Amino acid sequence: MIPGGFTETKPATPEVQEIADQVKPQLEEKDKKPYPVFVAITYKSQVVAGTNYLIKVSVSNSTDECVHLKVFQSLPHENEGPSLTSYETGKTKNDPLSYFE
């Protein structure tokens, strides 16, 4: 891992699924559509003054449609939930999870 950079892509954990679930309403509001299927598949993380996450989320049972989320989780003592900072739609399970603005 590059110091200050993102980790390698890893399989999603229950903790990452919980973070995705917490930002799902933010995505639905910004994208103006519901996501009845929302399953985290893989993720990368970056420790800053908190943690940045890139999360690939499957949004369909019948296709390989995914969204990529960029989420910031503040430090625990700040008592703030995760915040969706950016997202990309129109992704598939084969698209690499890479940094985006």
Protein backbone atom coordinates (compact mmCIF):
# COMPACT_ATOMS: atom_id res chain seq x y z
CA MET A 1 0.00 0.00 0.00
CA ILE A 2 1.20 3.51 -0.82
CA PRO A 3 1.41 5.66 2.34
CA GLY A 4 -1.70 7.83 2.38
CA GLY A 5 -3.10 5.93 -0.58
CA PHE A 6 -5.97 3.47 -0.85
CA THR A 7 -5.59 -0.17 0.12
CA GLU A 8 -5.88 -2.98 -2.39
CA THR A 9 -9.42 -4.00 -3.32
CA LYS A 10 -10.83 -6.34 -0.66
CA PRO A 11 -14.07 -8.32 -0.32
CA ALA A 12 -16.73 -6.32 1.50
CA THR A 13 -17.11 -7.03 5.22
CA PRO A 14 -20.23 -6.69 7.39
CA GLU A 15 -18.80 -3.33 8.60
CA VAL A 16 -18.52 -2.09 4.99
CA GLN A 17 -22.08 -3.26 4.26
CA GLU A 18 -23.25 -1.29 7.31
CA ILE A 19 -21.49 1.85 6.00
CA ALA A 20 -23.10 1.34 2.56
CA ASP A 21 -26.51 0.87 4.19
CA GLN A 22 -26.05 4.10 6.17
CA VAL A 23 -25.31 6.17 3.02
CA LYS A 24 -27.97 4.48 0.86
CA PRO A 25 -30.62 7.16 1.69
CA GLN A 26 -28.09 9.86 0.71
CA LEU A 27 -27.53 8.15 -2.66
CA GLU A 28 -31.26 7.68 -3.28
CA GLU A 29 -31.85 11.38 -2.56
CA LYS A 30 -28.98 12.56 -4.80
CA ASP A 31 -29.74 10.11 -7.64
CA LYS A 32 -33.52 10.56 -7.24
CA LYS A 33 -34.28 6.82 -7.48
CA PRO A 34 -34.75 3.93 -5.07
CA TYR A 35 -32.28 1.07 -4.81
CA PRO A 36 -34.19 -1.99 -3.53
CA VAL A 37 -31.06 -4.14 -3.94
CA PHE A 38 -27.94 -2.73 -2.24
CA VAL A 39 -25.19 -5.29 -1.58
CA ALA A 40 -21.58 -4.22 -1.00
CA ILE A 41 -19.20 -6.42 -3.02
CA THR A 42 -15.71 -4.95 -2.67
CA TYR A 43 -14.05 -1.92 -1.14
CA LYS A 44 -10.85 0.05 -0.69
CA SER A 45 -10.05 2.29 2.26
CA GLN A 46 -7.73 5.22 2.95
CA VAL A 47 -6.89 6.49 6.41
CA VAL A 48 -6.94 10.29 6.64
CA ALA A 49 -8.39 12.34 9.51
CA GLY A 50 -11.05 9.63 9.46
CA THR A 51 -11.39 7.06 6.69
CA ASN A 52 -12.30 7.35 3.02
CA TYR A 53 -13.95 4.32 1.47
CA LEU A 54 -14.51 3.37 -2.16
CA ILE A 55 -17.28 0.77 -2.19
CA LYS A 56 -18.65 -1.24 -5.14
CA VAL A 57 -22.32 -2.00 -4.52
CA SER A 58 -24.52 -4.37 -6.53
CA VAL A 59 -27.90 -2.74 -7.21
CA SER A 60 -29.64 -5.49 -9.19
CA ASN A 61 -30.38 -9.18 -8.73
CA SER A 62 -30.93 -9.75 -12.45
CA THR A 63 -28.00 -7.84 -14.00
CA ASP A 64 -24.46 -7.01 -12.98
CA GLU A 65 -25.35 -3.32 -12.49
CA CYS A 66 -23.34 -1.62 -9.75
CA VAL A 67 -22.69 1.80 -8.30
CA HIS A 68 -19.38 2.99 -6.92
CA LEU A 69 -19.57 5.03 -3.72
CA LYS A 70 -17.01 7.35 -2.19
CA VAL A 71 -17.75 7.63 1.52
CA PHE A 72 -16.05 9.56 4.32
CA GLN A 73 -16.27 8.19 7.87
CA SER A 74 -15.14 10.72 10.47
CA LEU A 75 -13.16 9.78 13.55
CA PRO A 76 -15.18 7.97 16.25
CA HIS A 77 -14.96 10.80 18.81
CA GLU A 78 -16.74 13.14 16.35
CA ASN A 79 -19.93 11.04 16.61
CA GLU A 80 -20.89 11.57 12.97
CA GLY A 81 -22.16 8.89 10.64
CA PRO A 82 -20.66 8.18 7.25
CA SER A 83 -21.14 10.76 4.51
CA LEU A 84 -21.56 10.03 0.79
CA THR A 85 -19.08 12.38 -0.87
CA SER A 86 -19.44 11.15 -4.47
CA TYR A 87 -20.80 8.29 -6.54
CA GLU A 88 -20.73 6.79 -10.03
CA THR A 89 -23.64 4.92 -11.60
CA GLY A 90 -23.72 2.70 -14.69
CA LYS A 91 -20.94 0.45 -13.43
CA THR A 92 -20.75 -3.34 -13.69
CA LYS A 93 -19.24 -6.02 -11.48
CA ASN A 94 -16.25 -6.14 -13.86
CA ASP A 95 -15.42 -2.42 -13.63
CA PRO A 96 -12.35 -1.79 -11.48
CA LEU A 97 -12.88 0.11 -8.27
CA SER A 98 -10.66 3.15 -8.68
CA TYR A 99 -10.48 6.66 -7.25
CA PHE A 100 -12.86 9.25 -8.69
CA GLU A 101 -13.89 12.79 -7.74
